[in-house]
């Protein structure tokens, strides 16, 4: 696809881009104005009418329901939760207090 576009002249690429942009602007204008939409489609007021404008109005462009990217976590085994519950708590001292980084004031002027 990209190789085919590279063989085209820049004027052809700009022309295709202008057509796509014009179609999107026209679809947005028809979504904002039902009268304009009825000029293009005589059955625009019908309940079962489907076109790009009705999909744009409803906001459901795409191929149906999207597949979830994150699935539910599998339930943990009983022995894993028992190990976590019986693990001894450890207290870890903060390193910045041991090194004394914050105990020095800036140098006095004067």
C-alpha atoms as a PDB file:
ATOM      1  CA  UNK A   1       0.000   0.000   0.000  1.00  0.00           C
ATOM      2  CA  UNK A   2       2.735   2.476   0.903  1.00  0.00           C
ATOM      3  CA  UNK A   3       4.744   1.535  -2.199  1.00  0.00           C
ATOM      4  CA  UNK A   4       1.677   2.226  -4.320  1.00  0.00           C
ATOM      5  CA  UNK A   5       1.289   5.642  -2.692  1.00  0.00           C
ATOM      6  CA  UNK A   6       4.945   6.452  -3.332  1.00  0.00           C
ATOM      7  CA  UNK A   7       4.420   5.908  -7.042  1.00  0.00           C
ATOM      8  CA  UNK A   8       1.604   8.463  -7.114  1.00  0.00           C
ATOM      9  CA  UNK A   9       2.296  12.101  -7.778  1.00  0.00           C
ATOM     10  CA  UNK A  10       1.945  14.490  -4.841  1.00  0.00           C
ATOM     11  CA  UNK A  11      -1.044  16.161  -6.506  1.00  0.00           C
ATOM     12  CA  UNK A  12      -2.916  12.834  -6.528  1.00  0.00           C
ATOM     13  CA  UNK A  13      -2.138  12.221  -2.857  1.00  0.00           C
ATOM     14  CA  UNK A  14      -3.275  15.739  -1.923  1.00  0.00           C
ATOM     15  CA  UNK A  15      -6.410  15.247  -4.009  1.00  0.00           C
ATOM     16  CA  UNK A  16      -7.284  12.011  -2.202  1.00  0.00           C
ATOM     17  CA  UNK A  17      -6.658  13.641   1.162  1.00  0.00           C
ATOM     18  CA  UNK A  18      -8.882  16.587   0.199  1.00  0.00           C
ATOM     19  CA  UNK A  19     -11.671  14.179  -0.822  1.00  0.00           C
ATOM     20  CA  UNK A  20     -11.484  12.318   2.497  1.00  0.00           C
ATOM     21  CA  UNK A  21     -11.524  15.574   4.459  1.00  0.00           C
ATOM     22  CA  UNK A  22     -14.452  16.909   2.381  1.00  0.00           C
ATOM     23  CA  UNK A  23     -16.434  13.710   2.991  1.00  0.00           C
ATOM     24  CA  UNK A  24     -15.860  13.943   6.740  1.00  0.00           C
ATOM     25  CA  UNK A  25     -16.855  17.620   6.830  1.00  0.00           C
ATOM     26  CA  UNK A  26     -19.997  16.806   4.818  1.00  0.00           C
ATOM     27  CA  UNK A  27     -20.884  13.938   7.172  1.00  0.00           C
ATOM     28  CA  UNK A  28     -20.413  16.228  10.195  1.00  0.00           C
ATOM     29  CA  UNK A  29     -22.567  18.913   8.556  1.00  0.00           C
ATOM     30  CA  UNK A  30     -25.306  16.379   7.810  1.00  0.00           C
ATOM     31  CA  UNK A  31     -25.108  15.094  11.387  1.00  0.00           C
ATOM     32  CA  UNK A  32     -25.623  18.653  12.648  1.00  0.00           C
ATOM     33  CA  UNK A  33     -28.443  19.441  10.201  1.00  0.00           C
ATOM     34  CA  UNK A  34     -31.237  16.861   9.776  1.00  0.00           C
ATOM     35  CA  UNK A  35     -32.688  18.907   6.883  1.00  0.00           C
ATOM     36  CA  UNK A  36     -29.426  18.557   4.942  1.00  0.00           C
ATOM     37  CA  UNK A  37     -29.387  14.833   5.711  1.00  0.00           C
ATOM     38  CA  UNK A  38     -32.931  14.473   4.334  1.00  0.00           C
ATOM     39  CA  UNK A  39     -31.850  16.166   1.083  1.00  0.00           C
ATOM     40  CA  UNK A  40     -29.373  13.345   0.481  1.00  0.00           C
ATOM     41  CA  UNK A  41     -31.565  10.523   1.830  1.00  0.00           C
ATOM     42  CA  UNK A  42     -35.330  10.529   1.406  1.00  0.00           C
ATOM     43  CA  UNK A  43     -35.649   7.920   4.185  1.00  0.00           C
ATOM     44  CA  UNK A  44     -33.404   9.762   6.663  1.00  0.00           C
ATOM     45  CA  UNK A  45     -36.226   9.993   9.201  1.00  0.00           C
ATOM     46  CA  UNK A  46     -36.902   6.238   9.073  1.00  0.00           C
ATOM     47  CA  UNK A  47     -36.156   4.277  12.227  1.00  0.00           C
ATOM     48  CA  UNK A  48     -34.159   1.591  10.357  1.00  0.00           C
ATOM     49  CA  UNK A  49     -32.106   4.017   8.216  1.00  0.00           C
ATOM     50  CA  UNK A  50     -28.362   3.375   8.415  1.00  0.00           C
ATOM     51  CA  UNK A  51     -25.601   5.411   6.845  1.00  0.00           C
ATOM     52  CA  UNK A  52     -22.342   7.049   7.902  1.00  0.00           C
ATOM     53  CA  UNK A  53     -24.227  10.051   9.302  1.00  0.00           C
ATOM     54  CA  UNK A  54     -26.484   7.975  11.573  1.00  0.00           C
ATOM     55  CA  UNK A  55     -23.465   6.048  12.833  1.00  0.00           C
ATOM     56  CA  UNK A  56     -21.665   9.336  13.457  1.00  0.00           C
ATOM     57  CA  UNK A  57     -24.648  10.699  15.390  1.00  0.00           C
ATOM     58  CA  UNK A  58     -24.902   7.555  17.517  1.00  0.00           C
ATOM     59  CA  UNK A  59     -21.139   7.361  18.007  1.00  0.00           C
ATOM     60  CA  UNK A  60     -20.923   3.682  17.117  1.00  0.00           C
ATOM     61  CA  UNK A  61     -18.369   3.547  14.324  1.00  0.00           C
ATOM     62  CA  UNK A  62     -16.556   0.227  14.269  1.00  0.00           C
ATOM     63  CA  UNK A  63     -17.260  -3.443  14.011  1.00  0.00           C
ATOM     64  CA  UNK A  64     -19.457  -4.000  17.022  1.00  0.00           C
ATOM     65  CA  UNK A  65     -18.439  -4.423  20.598  1.00  0.00           C
ATOM     66  CA  UNK A  66     -14.694  -4.064  21.177  1.00  0.00           C
ATOM     67  CA  UNK A  67     -12.779  -6.955  22.642  1.00  0.00           C
ATOM     68  CA  UNK A  68     -11.684  -6.198  26.218  1.00  0.00           C
ATOM     69  CA  UNK A  69      -7.950  -5.678  26.507  1.00  0.00           C
ATOM     70  CA  UNK A  70      -7.746  -6.763  30.132  1.00  0.00           C
ATOM     71  CA  UNK A  71      -9.481  -9.887  31.311  1.00  0.00           C
ATOM     72  CA  UNK A  72     -10.463 -10.706  34.861  1.00  0.00           C
ATOM     73  CA  UNK A  73      -7.720 -12.133  37.033  1.00  0.00           C
ATOM     74  CA  UNK A  74      -7.997 -15.844  37.696  1.00  0.00           C
ATOM     75  CA  UNK A  75      -8.948 -16.701  41.262  1.00  0.00           C
ATOM     76  CA  UNK A  76      -5.978 -17.297  43.542  1.00  0.00           C
ATOM     77  CA  UNK A  77      -5.431 -20.775  44.859  1.00  0.00           C
ATOM     78  CA  UNK A  78      -6.187 -21.368  48.530  1.00  0.00           C
ATOM     79  CA  UNK A  79      -2.591 -22.155  49.450  1.00  0.00           C
ATOM     80  CA  UNK A  80      -1.324 -18.860  47.977  1.00  0.00           C
ATOM     81  CA  UNK A  81      -3.643 -16.788  50.137  1.00  0.00           C
ATOM     82  CA  UNK A  82      -2.693 -18.807  53.223  1.00  0.00           C
ATOM     83  CA  UNK A  83       1.007 -18.146  52.605  1.00  0.00           C
ATOM     84  CA  UNK A  84       0.394 -14.424  52.278  1.00  0.00           C
ATOM     85  CA  UNK A  85      -1.785 -14.331  55.393  1.00  0.00           C
ATOM     86  CA  UNK A  86       0.757 -16.198  57.549  1.00  0.00           C
ATOM     87  CA  UNK A  87       3.891 -14.383  56.312  1.00  0.00           C
ATOM     88  CA  UNK A  88       5.615 -12.417  59.093  1.00  0.00           C
ATOM     89  CA  UNK A  89       5.577  -8.641  58.756  1.00  0.00           C
ATOM     90  CA  UNK A  90       8.997  -7.043  58.307  1.00  0.00           C
ATOM     91  CA  UNK A  91       9.845  -3.465  59.147  1.00  0.00           C
ATOM     92  CA  UNK A  92      12.318  -1.821  56.780  1.00  0.00           C
ATOM     93  CA  UNK A  93      14.057   1.355  57.901  1.00  0.00           C
ATOM     94  CA  UNK A  94      14.054   4.216  55.381  1.00  0.00           C
ATOM     95  CA  UNK A  95      17.481   4.605  53.800  1.00  0.00           C
ATOM     96  CA  UNK A  96      17.462   8.388  53.708  1.00  0.00           C
ATOM     97  CA  UNK A  97      17.250   8.538  57.525  1.00  0.00           C
ATOM     98  CA  UNK A  98      20.227   6.199  57.937  1.00  0.00           C
ATOM     99  CA  UNK A  99      22.475   8.238  55.667  1.00  0.00           C
ATOM    100  CA  UNK A 100      21.616  11.597  57.205  1.00  0.00           C
ATOM    101  CA  UNK A 101      20.892  13.363  53.941  1.00  0.00           C
ATOM    102  CA  UNK A 102      18.207  15.619  55.361  1.00  0.00           C
ATOM    103  CA  UNK A 103      19.940  16.626  58.623  1.00  0.00           C
ATOM    104  CA  UNK A 104      22.241  19.272  57.115  1.00  0.00           C
ATOM    105  CA  UNK A 105      21.065  22.842  56.657  1.00  0.00           C
ATOM    106  CA  UNK A 106      22.185  25.025  53.753  1.00  0.00           C
ATOM    107  CA  UNK A 107      25.392  26.996  54.383  1.00  0.00           C
ATOM    108  CA  UNK A 108      24.987  30.223  56.342  1.00  0.00           C
ATOM    109  CA  UNK A 109      25.640  33.409  54.426  1.00  0.00           C
ATOM    110  CA  UNK A 110      27.866  36.018  55.983  1.00  0.00           C
END
